[in-house]
Amino acid sequence: MKMFFQQKYLWLIAAWMVTTSVLGGLATKLGPWYFSLIQPPWKPPDWAFGIVWTTIFILSALAWMVAFNGGASQSQKNKITMLFWLNGFFNVLWSVLYFRMQHPDWSLIEAFFLWGSVLAIILVMWPIRRLAAYLMMPYLIWVTIAMCLNWETLVLNPGAY
């Protein structure tokens, strides 16, 4: 019976999930500055963000496994791995810029790189296994929503950064 996924890749994916989520979580500081910001009325409650990100990381890990198990060449596996680690960097950097440095203006610019990294993963996965690309769609949608939220925060809080 063929193993669904090789253990060495599972550790790599788990390392990406843990590293990105822990560093992103540590960079997310909900302090007085954040709570003083005027938020758009459609912003989800703060507690929902953890649920959304956990779901996105699980779907991303599944997408990674499906792509690797779906006949990806070694070159494609290397590209997917590099793109996920680049995405993790952009993910954490956004939190550092927004929450730690209190610069939603800089984080909005950076968010385009985060969005592009998710799109790049989808485009690389698409010819390998479409299911893997579809599993990444919620991540792209969420980053798009986050960018809109980031923009509205800038509009509602001129000079707060």
Protein backbone atom coordinates (compact mmCIF):
# COMPACT_ATOMS: atom_id res chain seq x y z
CA MET A 1 0.00 0.00 0.00
CA LYS A 2 1.38 3.36 -1.05
CA MET A 3 1.86 5.92 1.73
CA PHE A 4 -0.22 9.04 1.11
CA PHE A 5 2.68 11.29 1.89
CA GLN A 6 6.38 10.90 2.49
CA GLN A 7 7.39 11.72 6.04
CA LYS A 8 10.26 14.05 5.05
CA TYR A 9 7.82 16.34 3.25
CA LEU A 10 5.34 16.20 6.09
CA TRP A 11 8.00 17.56 8.46
CA LEU A 12 8.82 20.34 6.01
CA ILE A 13 5.16 21.35 5.75
CA ALA A 14 4.67 21.15 9.51
CA ALA A 15 7.75 23.32 10.01
CA TRP A 16 6.31 25.95 7.65
CA MET A 17 2.95 25.91 9.44
CA VAL A 18 4.44 26.15 12.92
CA THR A 19 7.09 28.73 12.01
CA THR A 20 4.71 31.00 10.14
CA SER A 21 1.89 30.78 12.66
CA VAL A 22 4.08 31.18 15.76
CA LEU A 23 6.12 34.08 14.37
CA GLY A 24 2.99 35.72 12.98
CA GLY A 25 1.25 35.28 16.31
CA LEU A 26 4.18 36.75 18.21
CA ALA A 27 4.25 39.73 15.84
CA THR A 28 0.53 40.38 16.34
CA LYS A 29 0.28 42.75 19.28
CA LEU A 30 -3.24 43.92 20.05
CA GLY A 31 -2.40 46.84 22.27
CA PRO A 32 -3.63 50.38 22.89
CA TRP A 33 -2.63 51.60 19.42
CA TYR A 34 -4.62 48.85 17.69
CA PHE A 35 -7.68 49.30 19.91
CA SER A 36 -7.62 53.07 19.31
CA LEU A 37 -8.04 52.58 15.56
CA ILE A 38 -11.44 53.19 14.00
CA GLN A 39 -12.38 49.92 12.34
CA PRO A 40 -14.77 49.43 9.45
CA PRO A 41 -18.16 48.10 10.56
CA TRP A 42 -17.72 44.94 8.48
CA LYS A 43 -14.47 43.92 10.22
CA PRO A 44 -14.74 40.42 11.69
CA PRO A 45 -14.36 40.18 15.48
CA ASP A 46 -10.76 39.77 16.65
CA TRP A 47 -11.38 36.22 17.93
CA ALA A 48 -12.35 35.10 14.39
CA PHE A 49 -8.89 35.79 12.96
CA GLY A 50 -7.31 32.84 14.78
CA ILE A 51 -9.97 30.48 13.46
CA VAL A 52 -9.58 31.80 9.92
CA TRP A 53 -5.78 31.55 9.97
CA THR A 54 -5.84 28.05 11.46
CA THR A 55 -8.20 26.95 8.69
CA ILE A 56 -6.04 28.61 6.03
CA PHE A 57 -2.88 26.93 7.32
CA ILE A 58 -4.56 23.52 7.37
CA LEU A 59 -5.91 23.97 3.83
CA SER A 60 -2.48 25.19 2.68
CA ALA A 61 -0.78 22.14 4.18
CA LEU A 62 -3.32 19.87 2.49
CA ALA A 63 -2.76 21.69 -0.81
CA TRP A 64 0.99 21.21 -0.46
CA MET A 65 0.53 17.49 0.24
CA VAL A 66 -1.93 17.03 -2.63
CA ALA A 67 0.42 18.77 -5.07
CA PHE A 68 3.42 16.74 -3.94
CA ASN A 69 1.42 13.52 -4.09
CA GLY A 70 -0.16 14.52 -7.41
CA GLY A 71 2.86 13.84 -9.55
CA ALA A 72 4.90 17.00 -9.04
CA SER A 73 8.42 16.78 -10.43
CA GLN A 74 11.34 17.47 -8.15
CA SER A 75 11.69 20.88 -9.78
CA GLN A 76 8.02 21.67 -9.07
CA LYS A 77 8.39 20.43 -5.49
CA ASN A 78 11.38 22.73 -5.01
CA LYS A 79 9.46 25.67 -6.48
CA ILE A 80 6.41 25.01 -4.29
CA THR A 81 8.59 24.71 -1.19
CA MET A 82 10.44 27.94 -1.99
CA LEU A 83 7.16 29.76 -2.64
CA PHE A 84 5.62 28.58 0.63
CA TRP A 85 8.64 29.75 2.63
CA LEU A 86 8.60 33.07 0.78
CA ASN A 87 4.89 33.31 1.54
CA GLY A 88 5.57 32.62 5.22
CA PHE A 89 8.10 35.45 5.23
CA PHE A 90 5.57 37.88 3.70
CA ASN A 91 2.88 36.66 6.07
CA VAL A 92 5.00 37.39 9.14
CA LEU A 93 6.36 40.64 7.70
CA TRP A 94 2.83 41.97 7.27
CA SER A 95 2.14 41.43 10.98
CA VAL A 96 5.43 43.07 11.96
CA LEU A 97 4.72 46.13 9.80
CA TYR A 98 1.10 46.49 10.89
CA PHE A 99 1.11 45.54 14.57
CA ARG A 100 4.68 45.95 15.80
CA MET A 101 5.77 48.93 13.73
CA GLN A 102 2.22 50.36 13.65
CA HIS A 103 2.42 51.16 9.96
CA PRO A 104 -0.73 50.07 8.16
CA ASP A 105 0.49 52.11 5.18
CA TRP A 106 3.63 49.99 4.83
CA SER A 107 1.72 46.77 5.52
CA LEU A 108 -0.73 47.57 2.72
CA ILE A 109 2.15 47.89 0.24
CA GLU A 110 3.65 44.66 1.56
CA ALA A 111 0.27 42.91 1.29
CA PHE A 112 0.57 42.99 -2.49
CA PHE A 113 3.66 40.80 -2.17
CA LEU A 114 1.82 38.45 0.20
CA TRP A 115 -1.12 38.26 -2.23
CA GLY A 116 1.28 37.64 -5.13
CA SER A 117 3.00 34.83 -3.25
CA VAL A 118 -0.31 33.05 -2.71
CA LEU A 119 -1.23 33.51 -6.38
CA ALA A 120 2.18 32.16 -7.42
CA ILE A 121 1.60 29.01 -5.34
CA ILE A 122 -1.80 28.54 -6.97
CA LEU A 123 -0.37 29.00 -10.47
CA VAL A 124 2.43 26.49 -9.84
CA MET A 125 0.00 23.95 -8.37
CA TRP A 126 -2.65 24.34 -11.08
CA PRO A 127 -1.02 22.12 -13.74
CA ILE A 128 0.04 19.53 -11.16
CA ARG A 129 -3.29 19.00 -9.43
CA ARG A 130 -6.17 21.45 -9.57
CA LEU A 131 -7.49 20.31 -6.20
CA ALA A 132 -4.29 21.64 -4.62
CA ALA A 133 -4.80 25.01 -6.32
CA TYR A 134 -8.45 25.13 -5.22
CA LEU A 135 -7.43 24.43 -1.61
CA MET A 136 -5.32 27.60 -1.74
CA MET A 137 -8.21 29.80 -2.91
CA PRO A 138 -9.49 30.63 0.61
CA TYR A 139 -6.01 31.98 1.42
CA LEU A 140 -6.11 34.26 -1.63
CA ILE A 141 -9.63 35.40 -0.77
CA TRP A 142 -8.67 36.09 2.85
CA VAL A 143 -5.60 38.11 1.90
CA THR A 144 -7.80 40.11 -0.48
CA ILE A 145 -10.25 40.79 2.36
CA ALA A 146 -7.35 41.70 4.66
CA MET A 147 -6.05 44.15 2.07
CA CYS A 148 -9.47 45.82 1.88
CA LEU A 149 -9.59 45.97 5.67
CA ASN A 150 -6.06 47.39 5.75
CA TRP A 151 -7.06 50.06 3.18
CA GLU A 152 -10.19 51.04 5.09
CA THR A 153 -8.16 51.31 8.31
CA LEU A 154 -5.90 53.80 6.54
CA VAL A 155 -8.88 55.80 5.28
CA LEU A 156 -10.63 55.85 8.66
CA ASN A 157 -7.46 56.72 10.61
CA PRO A 158 -5.47 59.35 8.72
CA GLY A 159 -2.32 60.22 10.62
CA ALA A 160 -2.64 57.38 13.13
CA TYR A 161 0.64 55.86 11.97
